[in-house]
């Protein structure tokens, strides 16, 4: 049996994605993030919701109300999602692993990675 914990987060940020060598006009979004982690059940849970929330909140606060171009060479939704994923992986307890991340750029456009 596989056990997963799923948490959702959001942050506000601006970016100007570079497409075919041209930067878009800078614009902002409400980004929504869904993180799913997997691990063994210990004492009836995989990871405490509050522990996972604290881990991800510390990462998201680096992006919230920022110009993502100052943090990423090309702040595509894919690049931002992969960065968040790597930061989450570094901070999870040893027996818990990141299984999936979904990052929505607004309400209609999103990317998903499974690990």
PDB file of N, CA and C in Angstrom:
ATOM      1  N   UNK A   1       0.841  -1.181   0.000  1.00  0.00           N
ATOM      2  CA  UNK A   1       0.000   0.000   0.000  1.00  0.00           C
ATOM      3  C   UNK A   1       0.884   1.241   0.000  1.00  0.00           C
ATOM      4  N   UNK A   2       0.544   2.181  -0.851  1.00  0.00           N
ATOM      5  CA  UNK A   2       1.249   3.452  -0.897  1.00  0.00           C
ATOM      6  C   UNK A   2       0.413   4.494  -0.162  1.00  0.00           C
ATOM      7  N   UNK A   3       1.073   5.309   0.598  1.00  0.00           N
ATOM      8  CA  UNK A   3       0.383   6.377   1.324  1.00  0.00           C
ATOM      9  C   UNK A   3       0.962   7.709   0.903  1.00  0.00           C
ATOM     10  N   UNK A   4       0.074   8.657   0.593  1.00  0.00           N
ATOM     11  CA  UNK A   4       0.500   9.986   0.166  1.00  0.00           C
ATOM     12  C   UNK A   4      -0.201  11.055   0.985  1.00  0.00           C
ATOM     13  N   UNK A   5       0.505  12.140   1.147  1.00  0.00           N
ATOM     14  CA  UNK A   5      -0.056  13.344   1.744  1.00  0.00           C
ATOM     15  C   UNK A   5       0.004  14.421   0.674  1.00  0.00           C
ATOM     16  N   UNK A   6      -1.084  15.177   0.529  1.00  0.00           N
ATOM     17  CA  UNK A   6      -1.170  16.214  -0.489  1.00  0.00           C
ATOM     18  C   UNK A   6      -1.512  17.535   0.189  1.00  0.00           C
ATOM     19  N   UNK A   7      -0.764  18.566  -0.162  1.00  0.00           N
ATOM     20  CA  UNK A   7      -1.006  19.912   0.369  1.00  0.00           C
ATOM     21  C   UNK A   7      -1.039  20.893  -0.795  1.00  0.00           C
ATOM     22  N   UNK A   8      -1.824  21.953  -0.655  1.00  0.00           N
ATOM     23  CA  UNK A   8      -1.905  23.011  -1.670  1.00  0.00           C
ATOM     24  C   UNK A   8      -1.441  24.330  -1.084  1.00  0.00           C
ATOM     25  N   UNK A   9      -0.814  25.128  -1.943  1.00  0.00           N
ATOM     26  CA  UNK A   9      -0.249  26.422  -1.558  1.00  0.00           C
ATOM     27  C   UNK A   9      -0.505  27.413  -2.675  1.00  0.00           C
ATOM     28  N   UNK A  10      -0.338  28.693  -2.379  1.00  0.00           N
ATOM     29  CA  UNK A  10      -0.397  29.687  -3.450  1.00  0.00           C
ATOM     30  C   UNK A  10       0.534  30.835  -3.117  1.00  0.00           C
ATOM     31  N   UNK A  11       0.961  31.509  -4.201  1.00  0.00           N
ATOM     32  CA  UNK A  11       1.780  32.702  -4.058  1.00  0.00           C
ATOM     33  C   UNK A  11       1.537  33.593  -5.257  1.00  0.00           C
ATOM     34  N   UNK A  12       1.849  34.861  -5.074  1.00  0.00           N
ATOM     35  CA  UNK A  12       1.708  35.867  -6.132  1.00  0.00           C
ATOM     36  C   UNK A  12       3.098  36.227  -6.621  1.00  0.00           C
ATOM     37  N   UNK A  13       3.267  36.302  -7.936  1.00  0.00           N
ATOM     38  CA  UNK A  13       4.574  36.678  -8.475  1.00  0.00           C
ATOM     39  C   UNK A  13       4.414  37.193  -9.908  1.00  0.00           C
ATOM     40  N   UNK A  14       5.431  37.914 -10.353  1.00  0.00           N
ATOM     41  CA  UNK A  14       5.475  38.435 -11.725  1.00  0.00           C
ATOM     42  C   UNK A  14       6.617  37.762 -12.466  1.00  0.00           C
ATOM     43  N   UNK A  15       6.486  37.708 -13.791  1.00  0.00           N
ATOM     44  CA  UNK A  15       7.581  37.195 -14.617  1.00  0.00           C
ATOM     45  C   UNK A  15       7.399  37.662 -16.052  1.00  0.00           C
ATOM     46  N   UNK A  16       8.485  37.524 -16.788  1.00  0.00           N
ATOM     47  CA  UNK A  16       8.487  37.764 -18.227  1.00  0.00           C
ATOM     48  C   UNK A  16       9.260  36.600 -18.836  1.00  0.00           C
ATOM     49  N   UNK A  17       8.541  35.605 -19.284  1.00  0.00           N
ATOM     50  CA  UNK A  17       9.148  34.394 -19.842  1.00  0.00           C
ATOM     51  C   UNK A  17       9.833  34.735 -21.162  1.00  0.00           C
ATOM     52  N   UNK A  18      10.959  34.097 -21.400  1.00  0.00           N
ATOM     53  CA  UNK A  18      11.703  34.283 -22.641  1.00  0.00           C
ATOM     54  C   UNK A  18      11.302  33.165 -23.599  1.00  0.00           C
ATOM     55  N   UNK A  19      10.681  33.545 -24.720  1.00  0.00           N
ATOM     56  CA  UNK A  19      10.219  32.588 -25.723  1.00  0.00           C
ATOM     57  C   UNK A  19      10.894  32.926 -27.039  1.00  0.00           C
ATOM     58  N   UNK A  20      11.620  31.947 -27.594  1.00  0.00           N
ATOM     59  CA  UNK A  20      12.353  32.149 -28.849  1.00  0.00           C
ATOM     60  C   UNK A  20      13.251  33.378 -28.780  1.00  0.00           C
ATOM     61  N   UNK A  21      13.911  33.557 -27.636  1.00  0.00           N
ATOM     62  CA  UNK A  21      14.849  34.658 -27.469  1.00  0.00           C
ATOM     63  C   UNK A  21      14.230  35.997 -27.131  1.00  0.00           C
ATOM     64  N   UNK A  22      12.926  36.085 -27.099  1.00  0.00           N
ATOM     65  CA  UNK A  22      12.220  37.338 -26.812  1.00  0.00           C
ATOM     66  C   UNK A  22      11.530  37.251 -25.458  1.00  0.00           C
ATOM     67  N   UNK A  23      11.721  38.262 -24.630  1.00  0.00           N
ATOM     68  CA  UNK A  23      11.034  38.299 -23.345  1.00  0.00           C
ATOM     69  C   UNK A  23       9.618  38.842 -23.528  1.00  0.00           C
ATOM     70  N   UNK A  24       8.674  38.200 -22.897  1.00  0.00           N
ATOM     71  CA  UNK A  24       7.300  38.703 -22.874  1.00  0.00           C
ATOM     72  C   UNK A  24       7.271  40.007 -22.071  1.00  0.00           C
ATOM     73  N   UNK A  25       6.158  40.690 -22.119  1.00  0.00           N
ATOM     74  CA  UNK A  25       5.940  41.806 -21.204  1.00  0.00           C
ATOM     75  C   UNK A  25       5.828  41.225 -19.793  1.00  0.00           C
ATOM     76  N   UNK A  26       6.365  41.924 -18.829  1.00  0.00           N
ATOM     77  CA  UNK A  26       6.246  41.437 -17.461  1.00  0.00           C
ATOM     78  C   UNK A  26       4.781  41.477 -17.046  1.00  0.00           C
ATOM     79  N   UNK A  27       4.358  40.419 -16.379  1.00  0.00           N
ATOM     80  CA  UNK A  27       2.973  40.295 -15.943  1.00  0.00           C
ATOM     81  C   UNK A  27       2.937  39.402 -14.712  1.00  0.00           C
ATOM     82  N   UNK A  28       1.837  39.429 -13.996  1.00  0.00           N
ATOM     83  CA  UNK A  28       1.747  38.681 -12.754  1.00  0.00           C
ATOM     84  C   UNK A  28       0.691  37.601 -12.777  1.00  0.00           C
ATOM     85  N   UNK A  29       0.826  36.683 -11.836  1.00  0.00           N
ATOM     86  CA  UNK A  29      -0.103  35.568 -11.688  1.00  0.00           C
ATOM     87  C   UNK A  29      -0.294  35.249 -10.214  1.00  0.00           C
ATOM     88  N   UNK A  30      -1.400  34.606  -9.935  1.00  0.00           N
ATOM     89  CA  UNK A  30      -1.528  33.851  -8.700  1.00  0.00           C
ATOM     90  C   UNK A  30      -1.134  32.430  -9.060  1.00  0.00           C
ATOM     91  N   UNK A  31      -0.023  31.982  -8.516  1.00  0.00           N
ATOM     92  CA  UNK A  31       0.451  30.623  -8.749  1.00  0.00           C
ATOM     93  C   UNK A  31      -0.121  29.725  -7.663  1.00  0.00           C
ATOM     94  N   UNK A  32      -0.561  28.551  -8.054  1.00  0.00           N
ATOM     95  CA  UNK A  32      -1.055  27.557  -7.102  1.00  0.00           C
ATOM     96  C   UNK A  32      -0.189  26.312  -7.226  1.00  0.00           C
ATOM     97  N   UNK A  33       0.230  25.798  -6.095  1.00  0.00           N
ATOM     98  CA  UNK A  33       1.141  24.655  -6.052  1.00  0.00           C
ATOM     99  C   UNK A  33       0.465  23.512  -5.303  1.00  0.00           C
ATOM    100  N   UNK A  34       0.569  22.327  -5.866  1.00  0.00           N
ATOM    101  CA  UNK A  34       0.120  21.132  -5.157  1.00  0.00           C
ATOM    102  C   UNK A  34       1.321  20.211  -5.016  1.00  0.00           C
ATOM    103  N   UNK A  35       1.577  19.787  -3.805  1.00  0.00           N
ATOM    104  CA  UNK A  35       2.705  18.915  -3.487  1.00  0.00           C
ATOM    105  C   UNK A  35       2.152  17.598  -2.952  1.00  0.00           C
ATOM    106  N   UNK A  36       2.594  16.477  -3.490  1.00  0.00           N
ATOM    107  CA  UNK A  36       2.230  15.156  -2.978  1.00  0.00           C
ATOM    108  C   UNK A  36       3.508  14.438  -2.564  1.00  0.00           C
ATOM    109  N   UNK A  37       3.543  13.980  -1.332  1.00  0.00           N
ATOM    110  CA  UNK A  37       4.689  13.225  -0.832  1.00  0.00           C
ATOM    111  C   UNK A  37       4.217  11.833  -0.453  1.00  0.00           C
ATOM    112  N   UNK A  38       5.151  10.901  -0.482  1.00  0.00           N
ATOM    113  CA  UNK A  38       4.828   9.499  -0.259  1.00  0.00           C
ATOM    114  C   UNK A  38       5.815   8.918   0.738  1.00  0.00           C
ATOM    115  N   UNK A  39       5.316   7.995   1.552  1.00  0.00           N
ATOM    116  CA  UNK A  39       6.187   7.333   2.500  1.00  0.00           C
ATOM    117  C   UNK A  39       5.421   6.306   3.308  1.00  0.00           C
ATOM    118  N   UNK A  40       6.125   5.628   4.185  1.00  0.00           N
ATOM    119  CA  UNK A  40       5.462   4.613   5.009  1.00  0.00           C
ATOM    120  C   UNK A  40       4.608   5.271   6.097  1.00  0.00           C
ATOM    121  N   UNK A  41       3.566   4.572   6.482  1.00  0.00           N
ATOM    122  CA  UNK A  41       2.769   5.033   7.622  1.00  0.00           C
ATOM    123  C   UNK A  41       3.524   4.716   8.899  1.00  0.00           C
ATOM    124  N   UNK A  42       3.761   5.741   9.686  1.00  0.00           N
ATOM    125  CA  UNK A  42       4.382   5.566  10.998  1.00  0.00           C
ATOM    126  C   UNK A  42       3.470   6.237  12.006  1.00  0.00           C
ATOM    127  N   UNK A  43       3.006   5.459  12.962  1.00  0.00           N
ATOM    128  CA  UNK A  43       2.059   5.976  13.954  1.00  0.00           C
ATOM    129  C   UNK A  43       0.811   6.531  13.298  1.00  0.00           C
ATOM    130  N   UNK A  44       0.438   5.992  12.138  1.00  0.00           N
ATOM    131  CA  UNK A  44      -0.798   6.373  11.486  1.00  0.00           C
ATOM    132  C   UNK A  44      -0.702   7.513  10.492  1.00  0.00           C
ATOM    133  N   UNK A  45       0.499   8.031  10.222  1.00  0.00           N
ATOM    134  CA  UNK A  45       0.632   9.110   9.239  1.00  0.00           C
ATOM    135  C   UNK A  45       1.971   9.040   8.519  1.00  0.00           C
ATOM    136  N   UNK A  46       2.027   9.671   7.331  1.00  0.00           N
ATOM    137  CA  UNK A  46       3.248   9.724   6.515  1.00  0.00           C
ATOM    138  C   UNK A  46       4.131  10.862   7.002  1.00  0.00           C
ATOM    139  N   UNK A  47       3.546  12.046   7.075  1.00  0.00           N
ATOM    140  CA  UNK A  47       4.214  13.242   7.583  1.00  0.00           C
ATOM    141  C   UNK A  47       3.098  14.137   8.115  1.00  0.00           C
ATOM    142  N   UNK A  48       3.342  14.798   9.182  1.00  0.00           N
ATOM    143  CA  UNK A  48       2.348  15.706   9.736  1.00  0.00           C
ATOM    144  C   UNK A  48       2.073  16.823   8.728  1.00  0.00           C
ATOM    145  N   UNK A  49       0.793  17.128   8.511  1.00  0.00           N
ATOM    146  CA  UNK A  49       0.438  18.202   7.584  1.00  0.00           C
ATOM    147  C   UNK A  49       1.172  19.491   7.928  1.00  0.00           C
ATOM    148  N   UNK A  50       1.254  19.799   9.193  1.00  0.00           N
ATOM    149  CA  UNK A  50       1.903  21.053   9.605  1.00  0.00           C
ATOM    150  C   UNK A  50       3.394  21.049   9.296  1.00  0.00           C
ATOM    151  N   UNK A  51       4.043  19.897   9.411  1.00  0.00           N
ATOM    152  CA  UNK A  51       5.470  19.804   9.075  1.00  0.00           C
ATOM    153  C   UNK A  51       5.676  20.029   7.581  1.00  0.00           C
ATOM    154  N   UNK A  52       4.863  19.394   6.750  1.00  0.00           N
ATOM    155  CA  UNK A  52       4.987  19.584   5.306  1.00  0.00           C
ATOM    156  C   UNK A  52       4.684  21.034   4.943  1.00  0.00           C
ATOM    157  N   UNK A  53       3.638  21.596   5.538  1.00  0.00           N
ATOM    158  CA  UNK A  53       3.281  22.991   5.259  1.00  0.00           C
ATOM    159  C   UNK A  53       4.433  23.918   5.633  1.00  0.00           C
ATOM    160  N   UNK A  54       5.083  23.688   6.762  1.00  0.00           N
ATOM    161  CA  UNK A  54       6.203  24.538   7.176  1.00  0.00           C
ATOM    162  C   UNK A  54       7.360  24.439   6.186  1.00  0.00           C
ATOM    163  N   UNK A  55       7.645  23.237   5.703  1.00  0.00           N
ATOM    164  CA  UNK A  55       8.726  23.039   4.731  1.00  0.00           C
ATOM    165  C   UNK A  55       8.441  23.845   3.468  1.00  0.00           C
ATOM    166  N   UNK A  56       7.240  23.671   2.912  1.00  0.00           N
ATOM    167  CA  UNK A  56       6.916  24.313   1.641  1.00  0.00           C
ATOM    168  C   UNK A  56       6.730  25.822   1.817  1.00  0.00           C
ATOM    169  N   UNK A  57       6.145  26.241   2.915  1.00  0.00           N
ATOM    170  CA  UNK A  57       5.978  27.684   3.149  1.00  0.00           C
ATOM    171  C   UNK A  57       7.319  28.418   3.135  1.00  0.00           C
ATOM    172  N   UNK A  58       8.354  27.815   3.718  1.00  0.00           N
ATOM    173  CA  UNK A  58       9.693  28.453   3.726  1.00  0.00           C
ATOM    174  C   UNK A  58      10.249  28.609   2.311  1.00  0.00           C
ATOM    175  N   UNK A  59       9.888  27.700   1.425  1.00  0.00           N
ATOM    176  CA  UNK A  59      10.342  27.765   0.033  1.00  0.00           C
ATOM    177  C   UNK A  59       9.532  28.799  -0.737  1.00  0.00           C
ATOM    178  N   UNK A  60       8.223  28.731  -0.595  1.00  0.00           N
ATOM    179  CA  UNK A  60       7.320  29.616  -1.328  1.00  0.00           C
ATOM    180  C   UNK A  60       7.544  31.080  -0.944  1.00  0.00           C
ATOM    181  N   UNK A  61       7.904  31.337   0.300  1.00  0.00           N
ATOM    182  CA  UNK A  61       8.098  32.740   0.715  1.00  0.00           C
ATOM    183  C   UNK A  61       9.228  33.417  -0.063  1.00  0.00           C
ATOM    184  N   UNK A  62      10.132  32.629  -0.630  1.00  0.00           N
ATOM    185  CA  UNK A  62      11.210  33.194  -1.451  1.00  0.00           C
ATOM    186  C   UNK A  62      10.694  33.671  -2.810  1.00  0.00           C
ATOM    187  N   UNK A  63       9.494  33.205  -3.202  1.00  0.00           N
ATOM    188  CA  UNK A  63       8.914  33.543  -4.501  1.00  0.00           C
ATOM    189  C   UNK A  63       7.774  34.549  -4.392  1.00  0.00           C
ATOM    190  N   UNK A  64       7.134  34.597  -3.251  1.00  0.00           N
ATOM    191  CA  UNK A  64       5.916  35.381  -3.094  1.00  0.00           C
ATOM    192  C   UNK A  64       6.164  36.876  -3.253  1.00  0.00           C
ATOM    193  N   UNK A  65       5.348  37.495  -4.095  1.00  0.00           N
ATOM    194  CA  UNK A  65       5.420  38.931  -4.397  1.00  0.00           C
ATOM    195  C   UNK A  65       6.800  39.348  -4.898  1.00  0.00           C
ATOM    196  N   UNK A  66       7.367  38.500  -5.742  1.00  0.00           N
ATOM    197  CA  UNK A  66       8.689  38.767  -6.325  1.00  0.00           C
ATOM    198  C   UNK A  66       8.586  38.793  -7.843  1.00  0.00           C
ATOM    199  N   UNK A  67       9.593  39.409  -8.457  1.00  0.00           N
ATOM    200  CA  UNK A  67       9.788  39.319  -9.899  1.00  0.00           C
ATOM    201  C   UNK A  67      10.642  38.071 -10.116  1.00  0.00           C
ATOM    202  N   UNK A  68      10.061  37.032 -10.682  1.00  0.00           N
ATOM    203  CA  UNK A  68      10.771  35.767 -10.823  1.00  0.00           C
ATOM    204  C   UNK A  68      11.967  35.863 -11.765  1.00  0.00           C
ATOM    205  N   UNK A  69      12.004  36.885 -12.612  1.00  0.00           N
ATOM    206  CA  UNK A  69      13.167  37.072 -13.480  1.00  0.00           C
ATOM    207  C   UNK A  69      14.417  37.405 -12.680  1.00  0.00           C
ATOM    208  N   UNK A  70      14.254  37.917 -11.485  1.00  0.00           N
ATOM    209  CA  UNK A  70      15.423  38.197 -10.658  1.00  0.00           C
ATOM    210  C   UNK A  70      15.949  36.933  -9.978  1.00  0.00           C
ATOM    211  N   UNK A  71      15.186  35.843 -10.048  1.00  0.00           N
ATOM    212  CA  UNK A  71      15.573  34.586  -9.409  1.00  0.00           C
ATOM    213  C   UNK A  71      15.912  33.474 -10.397  1.00  0.00           C
ATOM    214  N   UNK A  72      15.373  33.562 -11.624  1.00  0.00           N
ATOM    215  CA  UNK A  72      15.542  32.506 -12.623  1.00  0.00           C
ATOM    216  C   UNK A  72      16.000  33.116 -13.937  1.00  0.00           C
ATOM    217  N   UNK A  73      16.860  32.387 -14.652  1.00  0.00           N
ATOM    218  CA  UNK A  73      17.288  32.845 -15.969  1.00  0.00           C
ATOM    219  C   UNK A  73      16.088  32.955 -16.911  1.00  0.00           C
ATOM    220  N   UNK A  74      15.224  31.961 -16.868  1.00  0.00           N
ATOM    221  CA  UNK A  74      13.983  31.988 -17.650  1.00  0.00           C
ATOM    222  C   UNK A  74      12.887  31.409 -16.756  1.00  0.00           C
ATOM    223  N   UNK A  75      12.053  32.265 -16.168  1.00  0.00           N
ATOM    224  CA  UNK A  75      11.088  31.814 -15.166  1.00  0.00           C
ATOM    225  C   UNK A  75       9.823  31.187 -15.753  1.00  0.00           C
ATOM    226  N   UNK A  76      10.016  30.147 -16.565  1.00  0.00           N
ATOM    227  CA  UNK A  76       8.862  29.403 -17.057  1.00  0.00           C
ATOM    228  C   UNK A  76       8.212  28.678 -15.884  1.00  0.00           C
ATOM    229  N   UNK A  77       6.981  28.297 -16.057  1.00  0.00           N
ATOM    230  CA  UNK A  77       6.299  27.548 -15.010  1.00  0.00           C
ATOM    231  C   UNK A  77       7.023  26.231 -14.755  1.00  0.00           C
ATOM    232  N   UNK A  78       7.540  25.627 -15.809  1.00  0.00           N
ATOM    233  CA  UNK A  78       8.299  24.378 -15.652  1.00  0.00           C
ATOM    234  C   UNK A  78       9.543  24.598 -14.789  1.00  0.00           C
ATOM    235  N   UNK A  79      10.317  25.653 -15.094  1.00  0.00           N
ATOM    236  CA  UNK A  79      11.542  25.904 -14.328  1.00  0.00           C
ATOM    237  C   UNK A  79      11.246  26.220 -12.866  1.00  0.00           C
ATOM    238  N   UNK A  80      10.192  26.971 -12.623  1.00  0.00           N
ATOM    239  CA  UNK A  80       9.830  27.303 -11.245  1.00  0.00           C
ATOM    240  C   UNK A  80       9.382  26.042 -10.503  1.00  0.00           C
ATOM    241  N   UNK A  81       8.571  25.208 -11.156  1.00  0.00           N
ATOM    242  CA  UNK A  81       8.106  23.968 -10.525  1.00  0.00           C
ATOM    243  C   UNK A  81       9.274  23.049 -10.192  1.00  0.00           C
ATOM    244  N   UNK A  82      10.224  22.915 -11.109  1.00  0.00           N
ATOM    245  CA  UNK A  82      11.386  22.050 -10.848  1.00  0.00           C
ATOM    246  C   UNK A  82      12.236  22.593  -9.708  1.00  0.00           C
ATOM    247  N   UNK A  83      12.376  23.900  -9.622  1.00  0.00           N
ATOM    248  CA  UNK A  83      13.135  24.501  -8.520  1.00  0.00           C
ATOM    249  C   UNK A  83      12.437  24.224  -7.181  1.00  0.00           C
ATOM    250  N   UNK A  84      11.130  24.439  -7.143  1.00  0.00           N
ATOM    251  CA  UNK A  84      10.384  24.157  -5.910  1.00  0.00           C
ATOM    252  C   UNK A  84      10.559  22.685  -5.534  1.00  0.00           C
ATOM    253  N   UNK A  85      10.440  21.798  -6.515  1.00  0.00           N
ATOM    254  CA  UNK A  85      10.580  20.365  -6.257  1.00  0.00           C
ATOM    255  C   UNK A  85      11.938  20.036  -5.642  1.00  0.00           C
ATOM    256  N   UNK A  86      12.999  20.563  -6.204  1.00  0.00           N
ATOM    257  CA  UNK A  86      14.337  20.293  -5.671  1.00  0.00           C
ATOM    258  C   UNK A  86      14.491  20.816  -4.246  1.00  0.00           C
ATOM    259  N   UNK A  87      13.932  21.984  -3.981  1.00  0.00           N
ATOM    260  CA  UNK A  87      14.006  22.552  -2.633  1.00  0.00           C
ATOM    261  C   UNK A  87      13.208  21.709  -1.645  1.00  0.00           C
ATOM    262  N   UNK A  88      12.060  21.207  -2.051  1.00  0.00           N
ATOM    263  CA  UNK A  88      11.260  20.344  -1.181  1.00  0.00           C
ATOM    264  C   UNK A  88      12.020  19.056  -0.893  1.00  0.00           C
ATOM    265  N   UNK A  89      12.577  18.435  -1.938  1.00  0.00           N
ATOM    266  CA  UNK A  89      13.313  17.177  -1.768  1.00  0.00           C
ATOM    267  C   UNK A  89      14.425  17.304  -0.733  1.00  0.00           C
ATOM    268  N   UNK A  90      15.122  18.424  -0.733  1.00  0.00           N
ATOM    269  CA  UNK A  90      16.232  18.637   0.203  1.00  0.00           C
ATOM    270  C   UNK A  90      15.780  18.657   1.654  1.00  0.00           C
ATOM    271  N   UNK A  91      14.528  19.021   1.893  1.00  0.00           N
ATOM    272  CA  UNK A  91      14.068  19.284   3.254  1.00  0.00           C
ATOM    273  C   UNK A  91      13.170  18.196   3.848  1.00  0.00           C
ATOM    274  N   UNK A  92      12.768  17.229   3.032  1.00  0.00           N
ATOM    275  CA  UNK A  92      11.871  16.186   3.530  1.00  0.00           C
ATOM    276  C   UNK A  92      12.608  15.227   4.462  1.00  0.00           C
ATOM    277  N   UNK A  93      11.886  14.647   5.417  1.00  0.00           N
ATOM    278  CA  UNK A  93      12.502  13.599   6.237  1.00  0.00           C
ATOM    279  C   UNK A  93      12.998  12.458   5.359  1.00  0.00           C
ATOM    280  N   UNK A  94      13.938  11.716   5.864  1.00  0.00           N
ATOM    281  CA  UNK A  94      14.630  10.682   5.080  1.00  0.00           C
ATOM    282  C   UNK A  94      13.695   9.658   4.437  1.00  0.00           C
ATOM    283  N   UNK A  95      12.646   9.252   5.117  1.00  0.00           N
ATOM    284  CA  UNK A  95      11.777   8.195   4.599  1.00  0.00           C
ATOM    285  C   UNK A  95      10.562   8.720   3.825  1.00  0.00           C
ATOM    286  N   UNK A  96      10.516  10.019   3.579  1.00  0.00           N
ATOM    287  CA  UNK A  96       9.422  10.633   2.832  1.00  0.00           C
ATOM    288  C   UNK A  96      10.001  11.194   1.535  1.00  0.00           C
ATOM    289  N   UNK A  97       9.324  10.922   0.413  1.00  0.00           N
ATOM    290  CA  UNK A  97       9.852  11.425  -0.858  1.00  0.00           C
ATOM    291  C   UNK A  97       8.770  12.191  -1.623  1.00  0.00           C
ATOM    292  N   UNK A  98       9.241  13.143  -2.397  1.00  0.00           N
ATOM    293  CA  UNK A  98       8.338  13.899  -3.249  1.00  0.00           C
ATOM    294  C   UNK A  98       7.854  12.997  -4.369  1.00  0.00           C
ATOM    295  N   UNK A  99       6.561  12.908  -4.546  1.00  0.00           N
ATOM    296  CA  UNK A  99       5.980  12.065  -5.583  1.00  0.00           C
ATOM    297  C   UNK A  99       5.505  12.890  -6.772  1.00  0.00           C
ATOM    298  N   UNK A 100       4.901  14.077  -6.481  1.00  0.00           N
ATOM    299  CA  UNK A 100       4.322  14.867  -7.562  1.00  0.00           C
ATOM    300  C   UNK A 100       4.280  16.324  -7.159  1.00  0.00           C
ATOM    301  N   UNK A 101       4.456  17.179  -8.168  1.00  0.00           N
ATOM    302  CA  UNK A 101       4.241  18.611  -7.994  1.00  0.00           C
ATOM    303  C   UNK A 101       3.423  19.099  -9.184  1.00  0.00           C
ATOM    304  N   UNK A 102       2.438  19.929  -8.897  1.00  0.00           N
ATOM    305  CA  UNK A 102       1.659  20.595  -9.940  1.00  0.00           C
ATOM    306  C   UNK A 102       1.752  22.080  -9.636  1.00  0.00           C
ATOM    307  N   UNK A 103       2.114  22.868 -10.642  1.00  0.00           N
ATOM    308  CA  UNK A 103       2.183  24.319 -10.488  1.00  0.00           C
ATOM    309  C   UNK A 103       1.269  24.942 -11.526  1.00  0.00           C
ATOM    310  N   UNK A 104       0.263  25.664 -11.039  1.00  0.00           N
ATOM    311  CA  UNK A 104      -0.688  26.365 -11.900  1.00  0.00           C
ATOM    312  C   UNK A 104      -0.291  27.817 -11.994  1.00  0.00           C
ATOM    313  N   UNK A 105      -0.229  28.314 -13.207  1.00  0.00           N
ATOM    314  CA  UNK A 105       0.022  29.724 -13.498  1.00  0.00           C
ATOM    315  C   UNK A 105      -1.343  30.325 -13.816  1.00  0.00           C
ATOM    316  N   UNK A 106      -1.982  30.906 -12.804  1.00  0.00           N
ATOM    317  CA  UNK A 106      -3.363  31.340 -12.969  1.00  0.00           C
ATOM    318  C   UNK A 106      -4.288  30.145 -12.848  1.00  0.00           C
ATOM    319  N   UNK A 107      -5.481  30.269 -13.397  1.00  0.00           N
ATOM    320  CA  UNK A 107      -6.492  29.220 -13.255  1.00  0.00           C
ATOM    321  C   UNK A 107      -6.474  28.186 -14.366  1.00  0.00           C
ATOM    322  N   UNK A 108      -5.818  28.470 -15.486  1.00  0.00           N
ATOM    323  CA  UNK A 108      -5.988  27.604 -16.647  1.00  0.00           C
ATOM    324  C   UNK A 108      -4.727  26.914 -17.145  1.00  0.00           C
ATOM    325  N   UNK A 109      -3.549  27.407 -16.806  1.00  0.00           N
ATOM    326  CA  UNK A 109      -2.309  26.846 -17.343  1.00  0.00           C
ATOM    327  C   UNK A 109      -1.469  26.268 -16.213  1.00  0.00           C
ATOM    328  N   UNK A 110      -1.047  25.034 -16.389  1.00  0.00           N
ATOM    329  CA  UNK A 110      -0.249  24.414 -15.347  1.00  0.00           C
ATOM    330  C   UNK A 110       0.700  23.373 -15.893  1.00  0.00           C
ATOM    331  N   UNK A 111       1.627  22.977 -15.029  1.00  0.00           N
ATOM    332  CA  UNK A 111       2.568  21.905 -15.352  1.00  0.00           C
ATOM    333  C   UNK A 111       2.564  20.902 -14.212  1.00  0.00           C
ATOM    334  N   UNK A 112       2.877  19.670 -14.552  1.00  0.00           N
ATOM    335  CA  UNK A 112       2.903  18.601 -13.548  1.00  0.00           C
ATOM    336  C   UNK A 112       4.138  17.750 -13.776  1.00  0.00           C
ATOM    337  N   UNK A 113       4.808  17.425 -12.665  1.00  0.00           N
ATOM    338  CA  UNK A 113       5.947  16.519 -12.709  1.00  0.00           C
ATOM    339  C   UNK A 113       5.710  15.403 -11.704  1.00  0.00           C
ATOM    340  N   UNK A 114       6.011  14.179 -12.110  1.00  0.00           N
ATOM    341  CA  UNK A 114       5.959  13.033 -11.201  1.00  0.00           C
ATOM    342  C   UNK A 114       7.366  12.498 -11.042  1.00  0.00           C
ATOM    343  N   UNK A 115       7.653  12.068  -9.842  1.00  0.00           N
ATOM    344  CA  UNK A 115       9.012  11.586  -9.523  1.00  0.00           C
ATOM    345  C   UNK A 115       8.962  10.144  -9.043  1.00  0.00           C
TER     346      UNK A 115
END
